[in-house]
Amino acid sequence: MTNVISVLRRSYTGPAAWKGPDLAGSDEGVLRLSPTQIGELEAALRAVRERGVPLLKVSAGDFPLPTLAGELERIADELENGRGFVLVKRIPVERYSQAGASTIFWLSCRIRGLSAWELTAW
C-alpha cells in the first residue's frame, strides 16, 4: 500500500511540475484577450440576459464565441494536460456589475462543459 509520505517524496516531471521562478517574466500560461474576443464575451452576456436563460441552465450552444471558443478549448486542455493554469488577462471587469462578471466567468467555463466549481477546484 502506498502511503502519503512516499507519494509526496516522488519526483514529478512534465508541464505541471513547475515552480514560480521557472515562469517569472514569462508569458507562458498567459492569454491576453483581444478586443474582438472581449466583444464576443459581451455579446454572449447580452444574449443570455435578453433570452432570460437561468445562468445554471446556460450551455455552450446558447451563445456563439467565434474566435474565443478555440482559445477556451486550448485553456481547458492546458488545465487538464498542461501546466494546470492559464492566466486570462484584459477582461475589463470594471465595465460589469458583479452579476455580469460572474456570468462572463460562467459562460467561459461552459464552452468546455465545465462548471465554475470544477474550474476553480483545480
PDB file of N, CA and C in Angstrom:
ATOM      1  N   MET A   1       0.844  -1.172   0.000  1.00  0.00           N
ATOM      2  CA  MET A   1       0.000   0.000   0.000  1.00  0.00           C
ATOM      3  C   MET A   1       0.896   1.245   0.000  1.00  0.00           C
ATOM      4  N   THR A   2       0.546   2.229  -0.820  1.00  0.00           N
ATOM      5  CA  THR A   2       1.295   3.473  -0.907  1.00  0.00           C
ATOM      6  C   THR A   2       0.845   4.413   0.201  1.00  0.00           C
ATOM      7  N   ASN A   3       1.817   4.962   0.927  1.00  0.00           N
ATOM      8  CA  ASN A   3       1.428   5.919   1.954  1.00  0.00           C
ATOM      9  C   ASN A   3       1.662   7.341   1.457  1.00  0.00           C
ATOM     10  N   VAL A   4       1.128   8.284   2.156  1.00  0.00           N
ATOM     11  CA  VAL A   4       1.174   9.689   1.753  1.00  0.00           C
ATOM     12  C   VAL A   4       2.611  10.187   1.657  1.00  0.00           C
ATOM     13  N   ILE A   5       3.448   9.834   2.594  1.00  0.00           N
ATOM     14  CA  ILE A   5       4.832  10.302   2.601  1.00  0.00           C
ATOM     15  C   ILE A   5       5.564   9.852   1.338  1.00  0.00           C
ATOM     16  N   SER A   6       5.384   8.611   0.932  1.00  0.00           N
ATOM     17  CA  SER A   6       6.079   8.139  -0.271  1.00  0.00           C
ATOM     18  C   SER A   6       5.563   8.859  -1.521  1.00  0.00           C
ATOM     19  N   VAL A   7       4.294   9.175  -1.546  1.00  0.00           N
ATOM     20  CA  VAL A   7       3.737   9.915  -2.684  1.00  0.00           C
ATOM     21  C   VAL A   7       4.324  11.321  -2.729  1.00  0.00           C
ATOM     22  N   LEU A   8       4.410  11.991  -1.594  1.00  0.00           N
ATOM     23  CA  LEU A   8       4.928  13.355  -1.550  1.00  0.00           C
ATOM     24  C   LEU A   8       6.416  13.423  -1.882  1.00  0.00           C
ATOM     25  N   ARG A   9       7.139  12.361  -1.679  1.00  0.00           N
ATOM     26  CA  ARG A   9       8.579  12.347  -1.941  1.00  0.00           C
ATOM     27  C   ARG A   9       8.926  11.962  -3.379  1.00  0.00           C
ATOM     28  N   ARG A  10       7.948  11.568  -4.153  1.00  0.00           N
ATOM     29  CA  ARG A  10       8.198  11.201  -5.549  1.00  0.00           C
ATOM     30  C   ARG A  10       8.661  12.417  -6.338  1.00  0.00           C
ATOM     31  N   SER A  11       9.484  12.165  -7.325  1.00  0.00           N
ATOM     32  CA  SER A  11       9.913  13.214  -8.239  1.00  0.00           C
ATOM     33  C   SER A  11       8.894  13.298  -9.371  1.00  0.00           C
ATOM     34  N   TYR A  12       8.462  14.494  -9.679  1.00  0.00           N
ATOM     35  CA  TYR A  12       7.485  14.695 -10.743  1.00  0.00           C
ATOM     36  C   TYR A  12       8.129  15.434 -11.901  1.00  0.00           C
ATOM     37  N   THR A  13       7.717  15.083 -13.099  1.00  0.00           N
ATOM     38  CA  THR A  13       8.201  15.745 -14.302  1.00  0.00           C
ATOM     39  C   THR A  13       7.001  16.087 -15.169  1.00  0.00           C
ATOM     40  N   GLY A  14       7.245  16.836 -16.196  1.00  0.00           N
ATOM     41  CA  GLY A  14       6.172  17.191 -17.118  1.00  0.00           C
ATOM     42  C   GLY A  14       5.767  18.637 -16.942  1.00  0.00           C
ATOM     43  N   PRO A  15       4.838  19.091 -17.753  1.00  0.00           N
ATOM     44  CA  PRO A  15       4.467  20.506 -17.752  1.00  0.00           C
ATOM     45  C   PRO A  15       3.839  20.987 -16.442  1.00  0.00           C
ATOM     46  N   ALA A  16       3.215  20.100 -15.685  1.00  0.00           N
ATOM     47  CA  ALA A  16       2.582  20.516 -14.427  1.00  0.00           C
ATOM     48  C   ALA A  16       3.580  20.571 -13.270  1.00  0.00           C
ATOM     49  N   ALA A  17       4.808  20.152 -13.502  1.00  0.00           N
ATOM     50  CA  ALA A  17       5.836  20.182 -12.456  1.00  0.00           C
ATOM     51  C   ALA A  17       6.664  21.452 -12.629  1.00  0.00           C
ATOM     52  N   TRP A  18       6.094  22.574 -12.244  1.00  0.00           N
ATOM     53  CA  TRP A  18       6.761  23.864 -12.396  1.00  0.00           C
ATOM     54  C   TRP A  18       6.892  24.546 -11.035  1.00  0.00           C
ATOM     55  N   LYS A  19       7.798  25.502 -10.992  1.00  0.00           N
ATOM     56  CA  LYS A  19       7.983  26.342  -9.804  1.00  0.00           C
ATOM     57  C   LYS A  19       7.877  27.788 -10.261  1.00  0.00           C
ATOM     58  N   GLY A  20       7.413  28.640  -9.367  1.00  0.00           N
ATOM     59  CA  GLY A  20       7.226  30.050  -9.692  1.00  0.00           C
ATOM     60  C   GLY A  20       8.407  30.691 -10.401  1.00  0.00           C
ATOM     61  N   PRO A  21       9.633  30.533  -9.894  1.00  0.00           N
ATOM     62  CA  PRO A  21      10.778  31.161 -10.562  1.00  0.00           C
ATOM     63  C   PRO A  21      10.982  30.687 -12.004  1.00  0.00           C
ATOM     64  N   ASP A  22      10.533  29.466 -12.314  1.00  0.00           N
ATOM     65  CA  ASP A  22      10.647  28.962 -13.684  1.00  0.00           C
ATOM     66  C   ASP A  22       9.820  29.797 -14.666  1.00  0.00           C
ATOM     67  N   LEU A  23       8.768  30.412 -14.170  1.00  0.00           N
ATOM     68  CA  LEU A  23       7.848  31.152 -15.035  1.00  0.00           C
ATOM     69  C   LEU A  23       7.989  32.667 -14.908  1.00  0.00           C
ATOM     70  N   ALA A  24       8.832  33.121 -13.984  1.00  0.00           N
ATOM     71  CA  ALA A  24       8.994  34.566 -13.761  1.00  0.00           C
ATOM     72  C   ALA A  24       9.407  35.257 -15.053  1.00  0.00           C
ATOM     73  N   GLY A  25       8.694  36.297 -15.406  1.00  0.00           N
ATOM     74  CA  GLY A  25       8.997  37.060 -16.608  1.00  0.00           C
ATOM     75  C   GLY A  25       8.592  36.380 -17.905  1.00  0.00           C
ATOM     76  N   SER A  26       7.906  35.263 -17.810  1.00  0.00           N
ATOM     77  CA  SER A  26       7.494  34.518 -18.995  1.00  0.00           C
ATOM     78  C   SER A  26       6.023  34.781 -19.303  1.00  0.00           C
ATOM     79  N   ASP A  27       5.689  34.706 -20.569  1.00  0.00           N
ATOM     80  CA  ASP A  27       4.285  34.814 -20.979  1.00  0.00           C
ATOM     81  C   ASP A  27       3.637  33.447 -21.138  1.00  0.00           C
ATOM     82  N   GLU A  28       4.370  32.383 -20.782  1.00  0.00           N
ATOM     83  CA  GLU A  28       3.786  31.050 -20.852  1.00  0.00           C
ATOM     84  C   GLU A  28       2.610  30.985 -19.888  1.00  0.00           C
ATOM     85  N   GLY A  29       1.524  30.447 -20.348  1.00  0.00           N
ATOM     86  CA  GLY A  29       0.358  30.319 -19.487  1.00  0.00           C
ATOM     87  C   GLY A  29      -0.465  31.586 -19.378  1.00  0.00           C
ATOM     88  N   VAL A  30      -0.230  32.554 -20.264  1.00  0.00           N
ATOM     89  CA  VAL A  30      -0.984  33.815 -20.239  1.00  0.00           C
ATOM     90  C   VAL A  30      -1.765  33.953 -21.540  1.00  0.00           C
ATOM     91  N   LEU A  31      -3.044  34.259 -21.424  1.00  0.00           N
ATOM     92  CA  LEU A  31      -3.881  34.566 -22.582  1.00  0.00           C
ATOM     93  C   LEU A  31      -4.332  36.011 -22.439  1.00  0.00           C
ATOM     94  N   ARG A  32      -3.960  36.826 -23.396  1.00  0.00           N
ATOM     95  CA  ARG A  32      -4.409  38.223 -23.429  1.00  0.00           C
ATOM     96  C   ARG A  32      -5.543  38.316 -24.443  1.00  0.00           C
ATOM     97  N   LEU A  33      -6.718  38.635 -23.933  1.00  0.00           N
ATOM     98  CA  LEU A  33      -7.882  38.701 -24.816  1.00  0.00           C
ATOM     99  C   LEU A  33      -7.790  39.908 -25.739  1.00  0.00           C
ATOM    100  N   SER A  34      -8.177  39.695 -26.982  1.00  0.00           N
ATOM    101  CA  SER A  34      -8.211  40.774 -27.963  1.00  0.00           C
ATOM    102  C   SER A  34      -9.524  41.539 -27.810  1.00  0.00           C
ATOM    103  N   PRO A  35      -9.602  42.746 -28.363  1.00  0.00           N
ATOM    104  CA  PRO A  35     -10.876  43.475 -28.345  1.00  0.00           C
ATOM    105  C   PRO A  35     -12.015  42.665 -28.988  1.00  0.00           C
ATOM    106  N   THR A  36     -11.715  41.904 -30.026  1.00  0.00           N
ATOM    107  CA  THR A  36     -12.729  41.065 -30.670  1.00  0.00           C
ATOM    108  C   THR A  36     -13.245  40.002 -29.705  1.00  0.00           C
ATOM    109  N   GLN A  37     -12.342  39.361 -28.982  1.00  0.00           N
ATOM    110  CA  GLN A  37     -12.740  38.326 -28.032  1.00  0.00           C
ATOM    111  C   GLN A  37     -13.542  38.905 -26.872  1.00  0.00           C
ATOM    112  N   ILE A  38     -13.163  40.074 -26.410  1.00  0.00           N
ATOM    113  CA  ILE A  38     -13.934  40.747 -25.351  1.00  0.00           C
ATOM    114  C   ILE A  38     -15.328  41.079 -25.874  1.00  0.00           C
ATOM    115  N   GLY A  39     -15.404  41.536 -27.116  1.00  0.00           N
ATOM    116  CA  GLY A  39     -16.700  41.818 -27.731  1.00  0.00           C
ATOM    117  C   GLY A  39     -17.579  40.574 -27.806  1.00  0.00           C
ATOM    118  N   GLU A  40     -16.973  39.428 -28.086  1.00  0.00           N
ATOM    119  CA  GLU A  40     -17.728  38.169 -28.126  1.00  0.00           C
ATOM    120  C   GLU A  40     -18.286  37.827 -26.742  1.00  0.00           C
ATOM    121  N   LEU A  41     -17.480  38.009 -25.707  1.00  0.00           N
ATOM    122  CA  LEU A  41     -17.965  37.758 -24.342  1.00  0.00           C
ATOM    123  C   LEU A  41     -19.126  38.687 -23.997  1.00  0.00           C
ATOM    124  N   GLU A  42     -18.990  39.949 -24.367  1.00  0.00           N
ATOM    125  CA  GLU A  42     -20.051  40.914 -24.065  1.00  0.00           C
ATOM    126  C   GLU A  42     -21.319  40.610 -24.853  1.00  0.00           C
ATOM    127  N   ALA A  43     -21.174  40.182 -26.103  1.00  0.00           N
ATOM    128  CA  ALA A  43     -22.350  39.796 -26.902  1.00  0.00           C
ATOM    129  C   ALA A  43     -23.023  38.576 -26.284  1.00  0.00           C
ATOM    130  N   ALA A  44     -22.225  37.625 -25.796  1.00  0.00           N
ATOM    131  CA  ALA A  44     -22.791  36.440 -25.145  1.00  0.00           C
ATOM    132  C   ALA A  44     -23.529  36.843 -23.869  1.00  0.00           C
ATOM    133  N   LEU A  45     -22.954  37.766 -23.118  1.00  0.00           N
ATOM    134  CA  LEU A  45     -23.607  38.256 -21.898  1.00  0.00           C
ATOM    135  C   LEU A  45     -24.959  38.884 -22.236  1.00  0.00           C
ATOM    136  N   ARG A  46     -24.978  39.731 -23.262  1.00  0.00           N
ATOM    137  CA  ARG A  46     -26.240  40.364 -23.675  1.00  0.00           C
ATOM    138  C   ARG A  46     -27.262  39.318 -24.118  1.00  0.00           C
ATOM    139  N   ALA A  47     -26.804  38.332 -24.896  1.00  0.00           N
ATOM    140  CA  ALA A  47     -27.721  37.295 -25.404  1.00  0.00           C
ATOM    141  C   ALA A  47     -28.341  36.501 -24.260  1.00  0.00           C
ATOM    142  N   VAL A  48     -27.545  36.150 -23.280  1.00  0.00           N
ATOM    143  CA  VAL A  48     -28.065  35.384 -22.143  1.00  0.00           C
ATOM    144  C   VAL A  48     -29.082  36.227 -21.374  1.00  0.00           C
ATOM    145  N   ARG A  49     -28.772  37.498 -21.172  1.00  0.00           N
ATOM    146  CA  ARG A  49     -29.702  38.380 -20.451  1.00  0.00           C
ATOM    147  C   ARG A  49     -30.994  38.573 -21.223  1.00  0.00           C
ATOM    148  N   GLU A  50     -30.890  38.801 -22.545  1.00  0.00           N
ATOM    149  CA  GLU A  50     -32.075  39.036 -23.365  1.00  0.00           C
ATOM    150  C   GLU A  50     -32.980  37.811 -23.434  1.00  0.00           C
ATOM    151  N   ARG A  51     -32.394  36.638 -23.481  1.00  0.00           N
ATOM    152  CA  ARG A  51     -33.183  35.409 -23.559  1.00  0.00           C
ATOM    153  C   ARG A  51     -33.771  35.014 -22.209  1.00  0.00           C
ATOM    154  N   GLY A  52     -33.212  35.556 -21.138  1.00  0.00           N
ATOM    155  CA  GLY A  52     -33.703  35.219 -19.808  1.00  0.00           C
ATOM    156  C   GLY A  52     -33.396  33.790 -19.391  1.00  0.00           C
ATOM    157  N   VAL A  53     -32.347  33.226 -19.949  1.00  0.00           N
ATOM    158  CA  VAL A  53     -31.951  31.861 -19.596  1.00  0.00           C
ATOM    159  C   VAL A  53     -31.343  31.872 -18.194  1.00  0.00           C
ATOM    160  N   PRO A  54     -31.834  31.025 -17.294  1.00  0.00           N
ATOM    161  CA  PRO A  54     -31.209  30.957 -15.971  1.00  0.00           C
ATOM    162  C   PRO A  54     -29.735  30.566 -16.111  1.00  0.00           C
ATOM    163  N   LEU A  55     -28.887  31.225 -15.375  1.00  0.00           N
ATOM    164  CA  LEU A  55     -27.446  31.030 -15.512  1.00  0.00           C
ATOM    165  C   LEU A  55     -27.030  29.563 -15.415  1.00  0.00           C
ATOM    166  N   LEU A  56     -27.592  28.836 -14.500  1.00  0.00           N
ATOM    167  CA  LEU A  56     -27.193  27.437 -14.325  1.00  0.00           C
ATOM    168  C   LEU A  56     -27.647  26.545 -15.470  1.00  0.00           C
ATOM    169  N   LYS A  57     -28.524  27.058 -16.328  1.00  0.00           N
ATOM    170  CA  LYS A  57     -29.001  26.281 -17.473  1.00  0.00           C
ATOM    171  C   LYS A  57     -28.326  26.694 -18.775  1.00  0.00           C
ATOM    172  N   VAL A  58     -27.429  27.671 -18.717  1.00  0.00           N
ATOM    173  CA  VAL A  58     -26.732  28.134 -19.914  1.00  0.00           C
ATOM    174  C   VAL A  58     -25.753  27.065 -20.358  1.00  0.00           C
ATOM    175  N   SER A  59     -25.737  26.811 -21.667  1.00  0.00           N
ATOM    176  CA  SER A  59     -24.776  25.858 -22.218  1.00  0.00           C
ATOM    177  C   SER A  59     -24.026  26.525 -23.366  1.00  0.00           C
ATOM    178  N   ALA A  60     -22.978  25.871 -23.833  1.00  0.00           N
ATOM    179  CA  ALA A  60     -22.161  26.424 -24.905  1.00  0.00           C
ATOM    180  C   ALA A  60     -22.984  26.707 -26.160  1.00  0.00           C
ATOM    181  N   GLY A  61     -24.029  25.948 -26.401  1.00  0.00           N
ATOM    182  CA  GLY A  61     -24.853  26.151 -27.581  1.00  0.00           C
ATOM    183  C   GLY A  61     -25.738  27.379 -27.523  1.00  0.00           C
ATOM    184  N   ASP A  62     -25.817  28.017 -26.355  1.00  0.00           N
ATOM    185  CA  ASP A  62     -26.678  29.182 -26.193  1.00  0.00           C
ATOM    186  C   ASP A  62     -26.066  30.478 -26.704  1.00  0.00           C
ATOM    187  N   PHE A  63     -24.786  30.462 -27.023  1.00  0.00           N
ATOM    188  CA  PHE A  63     -24.131  31.693 -27.451  1.00  0.00           C
ATOM    189  C   PHE A  63     -22.926  31.361 -28.328  1.00  0.00           C
ATOM    190  N   PRO A  64     -22.672  32.175 -29.364  1.00  0.00           N
ATOM    191  CA  PRO A  64     -21.512  31.945 -30.230  1.00  0.00           C
ATOM    192  C   PRO A  64     -20.282  32.707 -29.711  1.00  0.00           C
ATOM    193  N   LEU A  65     -19.130  32.077 -29.803  1.00  0.00           N
ATOM    194  CA  LEU A  65     -17.857  32.731 -29.495  1.00  0.00           C
ATOM    195  C   LEU A  65     -16.888  32.350 -30.634  1.00  0.00           C
ATOM    196  N   PRO A  66     -17.056  32.978 -31.807  1.00  0.00           N
ATOM    197  CA  PRO A  66     -16.312  32.539 -32.995  1.00  0.00           C
ATOM    198  C   PRO A  66     -14.792  32.465 -32.826  1.00  0.00           C
ATOM    199  N   THR A  67     -14.171  33.468 -32.237  1.00  0.00           N
ATOM    200  CA  THR A  67     -12.710  33.421 -32.096  1.00  0.00           C
ATOM    201  C   THR A  67     -12.278  32.944 -30.715  1.00  0.00           C
ATOM    202  N   LEU A  68     -13.119  33.130 -29.724  1.00  0.00           N
ATOM    203  CA  LEU A  68     -12.737  32.784 -28.363  1.00  0.00           C
ATOM    204  C   LEU A  68     -12.946  31.307 -28.036  1.00  0.00           C
ATOM    205  N   ALA A  69     -13.870  30.651 -28.705  1.00  0.00           N
ATOM    206  CA  ALA A  69     -14.156  29.242 -28.398  1.00  0.00           C
ATOM    207  C   ALA A  69     -12.904  28.377 -28.508  1.00  0.00           C
ATOM    208  N   GLY A  70     -12.125  28.575 -29.559  1.00  0.00           N
ATOM    209  CA  GLY A  70     -10.902  27.800 -29.732  1.00  0.00           C
ATOM    210  C   GLY A  70      -9.902  28.052 -28.618  1.00  0.00           C
ATOM    211  N   GLU A  71      -9.797  29.300 -28.179  1.00  0.00           N
ATOM    212  CA  GLU A  71      -8.894  29.634 -27.075  1.00  0.00           C
ATOM    213  C   GLU A  71      -9.363  28.980 -25.779  1.00  0.00           C
ATOM    214  N   LEU A  72     -10.663  28.954 -25.552  1.00  0.00           N
ATOM    215  CA  LEU A  72     -11.188  28.333 -24.337  1.00  0.00           C
ATOM    216  C   LEU A  72     -10.970  26.823 -24.361  1.00  0.00           C
ATOM    217  N   GLU A  73     -11.047  26.229 -25.538  1.00  0.00           N
ATOM    218  CA  GLU A  73     -10.736  24.796 -25.668  1.00  0.00           C
ATOM    219  C   GLU A  73      -9.262  24.551 -25.332  1.00  0.00           C
ATOM    220  N   ARG A  74      -8.398  25.438 -25.821  1.00  0.00           N
ATOM    221  CA  ARG A  74      -6.967  25.311 -25.541  1.00  0.00           C
ATOM    222  C   ARG A  74      -6.699  25.458 -24.044  1.00  0.00           C
ATOM    223  N   ILE A  75      -7.399  26.395 -23.407  1.00  0.00           N
ATOM    224  CA  ILE A  75      -7.259  26.585 -21.965  1.00  0.00           C
ATOM    225  C   ILE A  75      -7.662  25.312 -21.229  1.00  0.00           C
ATOM    226  N   ALA A  76      -8.790  24.735 -21.615  1.00  0.00           N
ATOM    227  CA  ALA A  76      -9.257  23.514 -20.952  1.00  0.00           C
ATOM    228  C   ALA A  76      -8.219  22.407 -21.089  1.00  0.00           C
ATOM    229  N   ASP A  77      -7.613  22.299 -22.266  1.00  0.00           N
ATOM    230  CA  ASP A  77      -6.578  21.287 -22.464  1.00  0.00           C
ATOM    231  C   ASP A  77      -5.355  21.583 -21.594  1.00  0.00           C
ATOM    232  N   GLU A  78      -4.979  22.844 -21.494  1.00  0.00           N
ATOM    233  CA  GLU A  78      -3.836  23.228 -20.657  1.00  0.00           C
ATOM    234  C   GLU A  78      -4.108  22.933 -19.181  1.00  0.00           C
ATOM    235  N   LEU A  79      -5.340  23.139 -18.749  1.00  0.00           N
ATOM    236  CA  LEU A  79      -5.699  22.836 -17.365  1.00  0.00           C
ATOM    237  C   LEU A  79      -5.623  21.341 -17.085  1.00  0.00           C
ATOM    238  N   GLU A  80      -6.081  20.551 -18.023  1.00  0.00           N
ATOM    239  CA  GLU A  80      -6.138  19.105 -17.822  1.00  0.00           C
ATOM    240  C   GLU A  80      -4.824  18.396 -18.116  1.00  0.00           C
ATOM    241  N   ASN A  81      -4.114  18.847 -19.140  1.00  0.00           N
ATOM    242  CA  ASN A  81      -2.944  18.101 -19.616  1.00  0.00           C
ATOM    243  C   ASN A  81      -1.632  18.877 -19.580  1.00  0.00           C
ATOM    244  N   GLY A  82      -1.708  20.161 -19.300  1.00  0.00           N
ATOM    245  CA  GLY A  82      -0.514  21.001 -19.320  1.00  0.00           C
ATOM    246  C   GLY A  82      -0.077  21.400 -17.931  1.00  0.00           C
ATOM    247  N   ARG A  83       0.295  22.675 -17.795  1.00  0.00           N
ATOM    248  CA  ARG A  83       0.830  23.153 -16.515  1.00  0.00           C
ATOM    249  C   ARG A  83      -0.233  23.334 -15.437  1.00  0.00           C
ATOM    250  N   GLY A  84      -1.510  23.256 -15.807  1.00  0.00           N
ATOM    251  CA  GLY A  84      -2.569  23.287 -14.801  1.00  0.00           C
ATOM    252  C   GLY A  84      -3.129  24.661 -14.520  1.00  0.00           C
ATOM    253  N   PHE A  85      -2.684  25.670 -15.236  1.00  0.00           N
ATOM    254  CA  PHE A  85      -3.245  27.009 -15.057  1.00  0.00           C
ATOM    255  C   PHE A  85      -3.086  27.805 -16.342  1.00  0.00           C
ATOM    256  N   VAL A  86      -3.940  28.795 -16.498  1.00  0.00           N
ATOM    257  CA  VAL A  86      -3.822  29.809 -17.535  1.00  0.00           C
ATOM    258  C   VAL A  86      -4.301  31.106 -16.911  1.00  0.00           C
ATOM    259  N   LEU A  87      -3.520  32.141 -17.060  1.00  0.00           N
ATOM    260  CA  LEU A  87      -3.891  33.461 -16.570  1.00  0.00           C
ATOM    261  C   LEU A  87      -4.527  34.221 -17.727  1.00  0.00           C
ATOM    262  N   VAL A  88      -5.798  34.565 -17.590  1.00  0.00           N
ATOM    263  CA  VAL A  88      -6.515  35.291 -18.640  1.00  0.00           C
ATOM    264  C   VAL A  88      -6.478  36.772 -18.270  1.00  0.00           C
ATOM    265  N   LYS A  89      -5.936  37.563 -19.190  1.00  0.00           N
ATOM    266  CA  LYS A  89      -5.791  38.999 -18.947  1.00  0.00           C
ATOM    267  C   LYS A  89      -6.665  39.801 -19.904  1.00  0.00           C
ATOM    268  N   ARG A  90      -6.932  40.991 -19.503  1.00  0.00           N
ATOM    269  CA  ARG A  90      -7.646  42.003 -20.298  1.00  0.00           C
ATOM    270  C   ARG A  90      -9.150  41.836 -20.310  1.00  0.00           C
ATOM    271  N   ILE A  91      -9.710  41.131 -19.360  1.00  0.00           N
ATOM    272  CA  ILE A  91     -11.166  41.159 -19.231  1.00  0.00           C
ATOM    273  C   ILE A  91     -11.475  42.426 -18.446  1.00  0.00           C
ATOM    274  N   PRO A  92     -12.152  43.379 -19.055  1.00  0.00           N
ATOM    275  CA  PRO A  92     -12.389  44.667 -18.399  1.00  0.00           C
ATOM    276  C   PRO A  92     -13.523  44.582 -17.363  1.00  0.00           C
ATOM    277  N   VAL A  93     -13.247  43.923 -16.253  1.00  0.00           N
ATOM    278  CA  VAL A  93     -14.283  43.664 -15.253  1.00  0.00           C
ATOM    279  C   VAL A  93     -14.886  44.943 -14.681  1.00  0.00           C
ATOM    280  N   GLU A  94     -14.159  46.042 -14.781  1.00  0.00           N
ATOM    281  CA  GLU A  94     -14.709  47.306 -14.268  1.00  0.00           C
ATOM    282  C   GLU A  94     -15.943  47.749 -15.061  1.00  0.00           C
ATOM    283  N   ARG A  95     -16.157  47.197 -16.235  1.00  0.00           N
ATOM    284  CA  ARG A  95     -17.338  47.535 -17.051  1.00  0.00           C
ATOM    285  C   ARG A  95     -18.604  46.851 -16.566  1.00  0.00           C
ATOM    286  N   TYR A  96     -18.467  45.801 -15.769  1.00  0.00           N
ATOM    287  CA  TYR A  96     -19.591  44.939 -15.458  1.00  0.00           C
ATOM    288  C   TYR A  96     -19.968  45.009 -13.985  1.00  0.00           C
ATOM    289  N   SER A  97     -21.214  44.718 -13.749  1.00  0.00           N
ATOM    290  CA  SER A  97     -21.654  44.520 -12.369  1.00  0.00           C
ATOM    291  C   SER A  97     -21.049  43.198 -11.889  1.00  0.00           C
ATOM    292  N   GLN A  98     -21.186  42.930 -10.610  1.00  0.00           N
ATOM    293  CA  GLN A  98     -20.705  41.651 -10.093  1.00  0.00           C
ATOM    294  C   GLN A  98     -21.437  40.502 -10.785  1.00  0.00           C
ATOM    295  N   ALA A  99     -22.731  40.663 -10.992  1.00  0.00           N
ATOM    296  CA  ALA A  99     -23.511  39.623 -11.676  1.00  0.00           C
ATOM    297  C   ALA A  99     -23.038  39.445 -13.115  1.00  0.00           C
ATOM    298  N   GLY A 100     -22.741  40.542 -13.798  1.00  0.00           N
ATOM    299  CA  GLY A 100     -22.261  40.463 -15.175  1.00  0.00           C
ATOM    300  C   GLY A 100     -20.911  39.770 -15.269  1.00  0.00           C
ATOM    301  N   ALA A 101     -19.994  40.127 -14.369  1.00  0.00           N
ATOM    302  CA  ALA A 101     -18.670  39.495 -14.362  1.00  0.00           C
ATOM    303  C   ALA A 101     -18.792  38.003 -14.048  1.00  0.00           C
ATOM    304  N   SER A 102     -19.686  37.667 -13.125  1.00  0.00           N
ATOM    305  CA  SER A 102     -19.902  36.264 -12.781  1.00  0.00           C
ATOM    306  C   SER A 102     -20.471  35.499 -13.969  1.00  0.00           C
ATOM    307  N   THR A 103     -21.362  36.125 -14.701  1.00  0.00           N
ATOM    308  CA  THR A 103     -21.952  35.484 -15.882  1.00  0.00           C
ATOM    309  C   THR A 103     -20.887  35.244 -16.942  1.00  0.00           C
ATOM    310  N   ILE A 104     -20.014  36.207 -17.167  1.00  0.00           N
ATOM    311  CA  ILE A 104     -18.940  36.032 -18.150  1.00  0.00           C
ATOM    312  C   ILE A 104     -18.034  34.878 -17.736  1.00  0.00           C
ATOM    313  N   PHE A 105     -17.714  34.799 -16.454  1.00  0.00           N
ATOM    314  CA  PHE A 105     -16.897  33.692 -15.968  1.00  0.00           C
ATOM    315  C   PHE A 105     -17.602  32.360 -16.227  1.00  0.00           C
ATOM    316  N   TRP A 106     -18.878  32.305 -15.886  1.00  0.00           N
ATOM    317  CA  TRP A 106     -19.662  31.082 -16.085  1.00  0.00           C
ATOM    318  C   TRP A 106     -19.716  30.701 -17.562  1.00  0.00           C
ATOM    319  N   LEU A 107     -19.971  31.683 -18.431  1.00  0.00           N
ATOM    320  CA  LEU A 107     -20.034  31.406 -19.868  1.00  0.00           C
ATOM    321  C   LEU A 107     -18.703  30.860 -20.369  1.00  0.00           C
ATOM    322  N   SER A 108     -17.616  31.414 -19.878  1.00  0.00           N
ATOM    323  CA  SER A 108     -16.290  30.962 -20.287  1.00  0.00           C
ATOM    324  C   SER A 108     -16.061  29.512 -19.884  1.00  0.00           C
ATOM    325  N   CYS A 109     -16.572  29.135 -18.742  1.00  0.00           N
ATOM    326  CA  CYS A 109     -16.443  27.744 -18.281  1.00  0.00           C
ATOM    327  C   CYS A 109     -17.323  26.819 -19.104  1.00  0.00           C
ATOM    328  N   ARG A 110     -18.515  27.257 -19.418  1.00  0.00           N
ATOM    329  CA  ARG A 110     -19.495  26.387 -20.078  1.00  0.00           C
ATOM    330  C   ARG A 110     -19.099  26.001 -21.491  1.00  0.00           C
ATOM    331  N   ILE A 111     -18.237  26.757 -22.140  1.00  0.00           N
ATOM    332  CA  ILE A 111     -17.847  26.413 -23.507  1.00  0.00           C
ATOM    333  C   ILE A 111     -17.221  25.028 -23.556  1.00  0.00           C
ATOM    334  N   ARG A 112     -16.632  24.617 -22.466  1.00  0.00           N
ATOM    335  CA  ARG A 112     -15.987  23.300 -22.406  1.00  0.00           C
ATOM    336  C   ARG A 112     -16.820  22.321 -21.588  1.00  0.00           C
ATOM    337  N   GLY A 113     -17.992  22.753 -21.159  1.00  0.00           N
ATOM    338  CA  GLY A 113     -18.841  21.870 -20.384  1.00  0.00           C
ATOM    339  C   GLY A 113     -18.449  21.791 -18.924  1.00  0.00           C
ATOM    340  N   LEU A 114     -17.611  22.709 -18.485  1.00  0.00           N
ATOM    341  CA  LEU A 114     -17.198  22.740 -17.093  1.00  0.00           C
ATOM    342  C   LEU A 114     -18.134  23.628 -16.291  1.00  0.00           C
ATOM    343  N   SER A 115     -18.256  23.345 -15.034  1.00  0.00           N
ATOM    344  CA  SER A 115     -18.936  24.298 -14.162  1.00  0.00           C
ATOM    345  C   SER A 115     -17.877  25.177 -13.547  1.00  0.00           C
ATOM    346  N   ALA A 116     -18.256  26.333 -13.049  1.00  0.00           N
ATOM    347  CA  ALA A 116     -17.286  27.213 -12.397  1.00  0.00           C
ATOM    348  C   ALA A 116     -16.665  26.513 -11.208  1.00  0.00           C
ATOM    349  N   TRP A 117     -17.440  25.660 -10.525  1.00  0.00           N
ATOM    350  CA  TRP A 117     -16.883  24.942  -9.394  1.00  0.00           C
ATOM    351  C   TRP A 117     -15.748  24.032  -9.825  1.00  0.00           C
ATOM    352  N   GLU A 118     -15.930  23.316 -10.942  1.00  0.00           N
ATOM    353  CA  GLU A 118     -14.879  22.426 -11.426  1.00  0.00           C
ATOM    354  C   GLU A 118     -13.628  23.199 -11.805  1.00  0.00           C
ATOM    355  N   LEU A 119     -13.818  24.354 -12.417  1.00  0.00           N
ATOM    356  CA  LEU A 119     -12.683  25.138 -12.848  1.00  0.00           C
ATOM    357  C   LEU A 119     -11.901  25.671 -11.649  1.00  0.00           C
ATOM    358  N   THR A 120     -12.584  26.199 -10.651  1.00  0.00           N
ATOM    359  CA  THR A 120     -11.879  26.767  -9.520  1.00  0.00           C
ATOM    360  C   THR A 120     -11.353  25.682  -8.588  1.00  0.00           C
ATOM    361  N   ALA A 121     -11.866  24.476  -8.687  1.00  0.00           N
ATOM    362  CA  ALA A 121     -11.402  23.377  -7.826  1.00  0.00           C
ATOM    363  C   ALA A 121     -10.049  22.850  -8.286  1.00  0.00           C
ATOM    364  N   TRP A 122      -9.622  23.158  -9.513  1.00  0.00           N
ATOM    365  CA  TRP A 122      -8.330  22.649  -9.971  1.00  0.00           C
ATOM    366  C   TRP A 122      -7.271  23.409  -9.322  1.00  0.00           C
TER     367      TRP A 122
END
